[in-house]
Amino acid sequence: MTKKFSVGDHVRWNSEAGHVHGTIAKIHTIDVEYKGHTHRCSPDDPQYEITSDTTDHVAMHKGEALTKI
């Protein structure tokens, strides 16, 4: 079962630099081009666009990569 989140939820995920915290800014439910790659999305398996708390970095992840904090 895929984890579901909402815009505004505060989440964390693991990156190359360690755990990162951020806030969900958008939820994508159809395929989207992001940073030169097509991210596959659907209403049942969305991708979450997240803004880091400490930098201006924006990341996109599936729900299974995120933990609500």
Protein backbone atom coordinates (compact mmCIF):
# COMPACT_ATOMS: atom_id res chain seq x y z
CA MET A 1 0.00 0.00 0.00
CA THR A 2 1.36 3.41 -1.01
CA LYS A 3 1.70 6.07 1.68
CA LYS A 4 -0.53 9.11 1.07
CA PHE A 5 0.37 12.67 2.00
CA SER A 6 -1.21 16.11 1.59
CA VAL A 7 0.11 19.52 0.52
CA GLY A 8 1.58 21.16 3.60
CA ASP A 9 2.62 17.91 5.29
CA HIS A 10 6.08 18.01 6.86
CA VAL A 11 8.12 14.97 5.76
CA ARG A 12 11.64 13.59 5.73
CA TRP A 13 13.50 11.46 3.22
CA ASN A 14 16.94 9.98 2.77
CA SER A 15 19.26 11.68 0.27
CA GLU A 16 22.93 11.26 -0.63
CA ALA A 17 23.70 13.85 2.06
CA GLY A 18 21.63 12.11 4.77
CA HIS A 19 18.10 12.73 5.99
CA VAL A 20 16.41 15.86 4.67
CA HIS A 21 13.24 17.53 5.99
CA GLY A 22 10.78 19.53 3.95
CA THR A 23 7.20 20.45 3.18
CA ILE A 24 5.08 18.98 0.39
CA ALA A 25 4.32 21.76 -2.11
CA LYS A 26 2.53 19.82 -4.90
CA ILE A 27 1.14 16.39 -5.59
CA HIS A 28 1.53 15.08 -9.15
CA THR A 29 -0.98 12.48 -10.34
CA ILE A 30 -0.07 12.44 -14.04
CA ASP A 31 3.37 11.89 -15.59
CA VAL A 32 5.58 14.96 -15.23
CA GLU A 33 8.94 16.06 -16.66
CA TYR A 34 11.24 17.09 -13.81
CA LYS A 35 14.97 17.86 -13.99
CA GLY A 36 15.22 16.19 -17.40
CA HIS A 37 13.46 12.96 -16.43
CA THR A 38 9.91 11.70 -16.79
CA HIS A 39 8.47 10.81 -13.41
CA ARG A 40 5.66 8.27 -13.68
CA CYS A 41 2.64 9.26 -11.59
CA SER A 42 -0.98 8.24 -11.22
CA PRO A 43 -3.81 9.00 -8.79
CA ASP A 44 -3.03 5.67 -7.07
CA ASP A 45 0.75 6.23 -7.08
CA PRO A 46 1.47 10.00 -7.00
CA GLN A 47 4.81 11.77 -6.81
CA TYR A 48 5.29 14.48 -4.20
CA GLU A 49 7.15 17.74 -4.89
CA ILE A 50 8.88 18.79 -1.67
CA THR A 51 10.71 21.98 -0.71
CA SER A 52 13.62 21.47 1.70
CA ASP A 53 13.43 23.22 5.08
CA THR A 54 17.10 24.25 5.03
CA THR A 55 17.74 25.11 1.37
CA ASP A 56 15.77 26.16 -1.71
CA HIS A 57 16.21 22.62 -3.07
CA VAL A 58 13.09 21.02 -4.51
CA ALA A 59 12.89 17.23 -4.68
CA MET A 60 10.33 14.81 -6.07
CA HIS A 61 9.66 11.44 -4.46
CA LYS A 62 7.09 8.68 -4.29
CA GLY A 63 5.28 8.14 -1.01
CA GLU A 64 7.29 5.07 -0.01
CA ALA A 65 10.43 7.25 0.21
CA LEU A 66 8.82 9.68 2.65
CA THR A 67 8.08 9.65 6.37
CA LYS A 68 5.66 12.14 7.92
CA ILE A 69 7.12 14.07 10.87
